[in-house]
Amino acid sequence: MDCLDALFTRRSIRHFLDRPVERAKVEKALEAAHWAPSGKNNQPWRFVVVQDRETREKLARLTVSGRVIREAPVAVAVFMDREVSYHREKDIQSMGACIENMLLAFHCQGLGAVWLGEILKNREKVETLLEAPPSWEFMALVSAGYPAREGASTRRPLREVVVWFKNKG
């Protein structure tokens, strides 16, 4: 898939087929996530892949998006390792780039995925459930699988969100 096609056609997918995802596809998405840019190349991301139903059910109980977690055969918990962090805001920005790379990699392999953030209200419970080391801070959960339906989205016209600065000097 062409890079720009991937960017313009990726959608958040919230309905999945009851079909397992090949490990190689999950690993490829994680590799893409791992290649995101990070300040000083500190690579603060850490991942916990959850495929078993029992743990996904426990995660599902921690968010209003529970159905999405139950239905998707793969959940990837994304953590930031504070031990390698050098600047919190910059590292959180890197985490966003990492997650977007993962979403695009899933999409390019014919899978669907969605970035779930509301579950952060239960950050500590997720960290305990997934036995995260003390230095790992839960940042997001990505649910992924084979899409059961297409995602849809719209965007404001570019002219509403862009200002072209003109130097007056």
Protein backbone atom coordinates (compact mmCIF):
# COMPACT_ATOMS: atom_id res chain seq x y z
CA MET A 1 0.00 0.00 0.00
CA ASP A 2 1.27 3.46 -0.90
CA CYS A 3 2.20 5.53 2.14
CA LEU A 4 -0.23 8.37 1.45
CA ASP A 5 -3.03 5.91 0.62
CA ALA A 6 -2.44 4.28 4.00
CA LEU A 7 -2.58 7.64 5.77
CA PHE A 8 -5.76 8.75 4.01
CA THR A 9 -7.63 5.42 4.22
CA ARG A 10 -6.85 4.32 7.79
CA ARG A 11 -9.91 4.46 10.03
CA SER A 12 -10.63 3.51 13.61
CA ILE A 13 -12.18 0.03 13.49
CA ARG A 14 -14.44 -0.96 16.38
CA HIS A 15 -16.05 -4.14 15.04
CA PHE A 16 -14.03 -7.28 14.39
CA LEU A 17 -14.49 -10.74 12.92
CA ASP A 18 -14.13 -13.72 15.23
CA ARG A 19 -10.88 -14.70 13.53
CA PRO A 20 -7.41 -14.98 15.08
CA VAL A 21 -4.68 -12.64 13.91
CA GLU A 22 -1.43 -14.17 12.77
CA ARG A 23 1.45 -13.55 15.17
CA ALA A 24 3.65 -12.33 12.31
CA LYS A 25 1.18 -9.51 11.58
CA VAL A 26 1.12 -8.42 15.22
CA GLU A 27 4.92 -8.51 15.33
CA LYS A 28 5.13 -6.42 12.15
CA ALA A 29 2.83 -3.80 13.69
CA LEU A 30 4.94 -3.78 16.86
CA GLU A 31 8.10 -3.41 14.78
CA ALA A 32 6.56 -0.43 12.98
CA ALA A 33 5.60 1.09 16.33
CA HIS A 34 9.14 0.53 17.58
CA TRP A 35 10.53 2.54 14.64
CA ALA A 36 8.67 5.71 15.62
CA PRO A 37 10.79 8.77 16.32
CA SER A 38 11.71 9.55 19.91
CA GLY A 39 13.73 12.31 21.51
CA LYS A 40 17.38 11.32 21.88
CA ASN A 41 16.29 7.97 20.39
CA ASN A 42 15.33 6.85 23.91
CA GLN A 43 12.55 4.57 22.59
CA PRO A 44 10.40 4.81 25.76
CA TRP A 45 7.65 2.46 24.56
CA ARG A 46 6.95 -0.95 25.99
CA PHE A 47 4.19 -3.30 24.84
CA VAL A 48 2.11 -6.04 26.41
CA VAL A 49 0.20 -8.13 23.87
CA VAL A 50 -2.99 -9.68 25.21
CA GLN A 51 -4.78 -12.35 23.20
CA ASP A 52 -6.44 -14.57 25.79
CA ARG A 53 -10.16 -13.95 26.33
CA GLU A 54 -10.01 -13.96 30.11
CA THR A 55 -7.52 -11.08 30.34
CA ARG A 56 -9.25 -9.14 27.57
CA GLU A 57 -12.50 -9.50 29.52
CA LYS A 58 -10.83 -8.08 32.63
CA LEU A 59 -9.52 -5.15 30.57
CA ALA A 60 -12.96 -4.68 29.01
CA ARG A 61 -14.51 -4.18 32.45
CA LEU A 62 -12.27 -1.15 32.97
CA THR A 63 -13.71 1.01 30.17
CA VAL A 64 -16.90 2.06 28.41
CA SER A 65 -15.25 0.64 25.25
CA GLY A 66 -15.39 -2.88 26.68
CA ARG A 67 -17.22 -4.38 23.71
CA VAL A 68 -14.36 -3.39 21.41
CA ILE A 69 -11.81 -5.12 23.64
CA ARG A 70 -13.94 -8.25 23.99
CA GLU A 71 -14.55 -8.49 20.23
CA ALA A 72 -10.99 -7.82 19.04
CA PRO A 73 -8.72 -10.86 19.14
CA VAL A 74 -5.68 -8.71 19.97
CA ALA A 75 -5.18 -5.98 22.56
CA VAL A 76 -1.87 -4.19 22.79
CA ALA A 77 -1.27 -2.25 25.98
CA VAL A 78 1.20 0.55 25.32
CA PHE A 79 3.36 1.76 28.18
CA MET A 80 5.98 4.47 28.58
CA ASP A 81 9.04 3.42 30.54
CA ARG A 82 9.83 6.30 32.90
CA GLU A 83 13.34 4.91 33.51
CA VAL A 84 14.40 5.89 29.99
CA SER A 85 12.31 9.06 29.81
CA TYR A 86 14.23 12.31 29.55
CA HIS A 87 11.39 14.83 29.04
CA ARG A 88 7.83 13.78 29.86
CA GLU A 89 5.98 15.86 27.25
CA LYS A 90 8.39 14.95 24.45
CA ASP A 91 8.21 11.29 25.41
CA ILE A 92 4.41 11.35 25.45
CA GLN A 93 4.53 12.85 21.95
CA SER A 94 6.78 9.96 20.93
CA MET A 95 4.23 7.55 22.37
CA GLY A 96 1.59 9.06 20.07
CA ALA A 97 3.86 8.59 17.05
CA CYS A 98 4.50 5.01 18.13
CA ILE A 99 0.78 4.26 18.39
CA GLU A 100 0.04 5.86 15.02
CA ASN A 101 2.77 3.75 13.39
CA MET A 102 1.15 0.67 14.91
CA LEU A 103 -2.30 1.65 13.64
CA LEU A 104 -0.95 2.23 10.14
CA ALA A 105 0.94 -1.07 10.13
CA PHE A 106 -2.17 -2.98 11.14
CA HIS A 107 -4.10 -1.19 8.37
CA CYS A 108 -1.45 -1.92 5.72
CA GLN A 109 -1.73 -5.64 6.55
CA GLY A 110 -5.49 -5.74 6.02
CA LEU A 111 -6.33 -5.49 9.71
CA GLY A 112 -8.31 -2.90 11.60
CA ALA A 113 -7.39 -1.25 14.87
CA VAL A 114 -8.51 1.46 17.24
CA TRP A 115 -6.67 3.56 19.81
CA LEU A 116 -8.53 3.45 23.13
CA GLY A 117 -7.81 6.13 25.69
CA GLU A 118 -10.81 6.30 28.01
CA ILE A 119 -9.43 3.25 29.85
CA LEU A 120 -6.71 5.55 31.24
CA LYS A 121 -9.12 6.45 34.04
CA ASN A 122 -8.16 2.99 35.36
CA ARG A 123 -4.45 3.24 34.62
CA GLU A 124 -3.34 1.70 37.91
CA LYS A 125 -5.72 -1.24 37.57
CA VAL A 126 -4.41 -1.97 34.06
CA GLU A 127 -0.82 -1.76 35.27
CA THR A 128 -1.61 -4.21 38.09
CA LEU A 129 -3.58 -6.59 35.87
CA LEU A 130 -0.80 -6.75 33.27
CA GLU A 131 1.93 -6.94 35.93
CA ALA A 132 3.75 -3.90 34.57
CA PRO A 133 7.04 -3.03 36.25
CA PRO A 134 6.85 0.07 38.49
CA SER A 135 8.61 2.26 35.91
CA TRP A 136 6.03 1.51 33.20
CA GLU A 137 3.17 4.00 32.83
CA PHE A 138 0.10 2.87 30.90
CA MET A 139 -0.53 5.19 27.93
CA ALA A 140 -3.18 3.53 25.73
CA LEU A 141 -4.73 0.30 24.58
CA VAL A 142 -4.91 -0.66 20.90
CA SER A 143 -7.51 -3.24 19.90
CA ALA A 144 -6.89 -4.98 16.59
CA GLY A 145 -8.25 -7.70 14.37
CA TYR A 146 -9.86 -8.41 11.04
CA PRO A 147 -12.49 -5.73 10.42
CA ALA A 148 -16.14 -6.78 10.45
CA ARG A 149 -17.13 -3.49 8.84
CA GLU A 150 -15.52 -0.41 7.39
CA GLY A 151 -14.73 2.59 9.52
CA ALA A 152 -15.90 6.06 8.56
CA SER A 153 -14.64 9.51 9.32
CA THR A 154 -14.71 13.07 8.03
CA ARG A 155 -12.37 15.99 8.39
CA ARG A 156 -12.87 19.73 8.47
CA PRO A 157 -11.68 21.51 5.34
CA LEU A 158 -7.95 22.15 5.50
CA ARG A 159 -8.55 25.90 5.22
CA GLU A 160 -10.20 25.76 8.67
CA VAL A 161 -7.15 24.33 10.42
CA VAL A 162 -4.19 25.87 8.56
CA VAL A 163 -2.78 29.37 8.70
CA TRP A 164 -0.04 30.27 6.22
CA PHE A 165 2.25 32.66 8.05
CA LYS A 166 3.50 35.58 6.02
CA ASN A 167 6.64 37.27 7.18
CA LYS A 168 6.08 41.03 7.18
CA GLY A 169 9.77 41.86 7.08
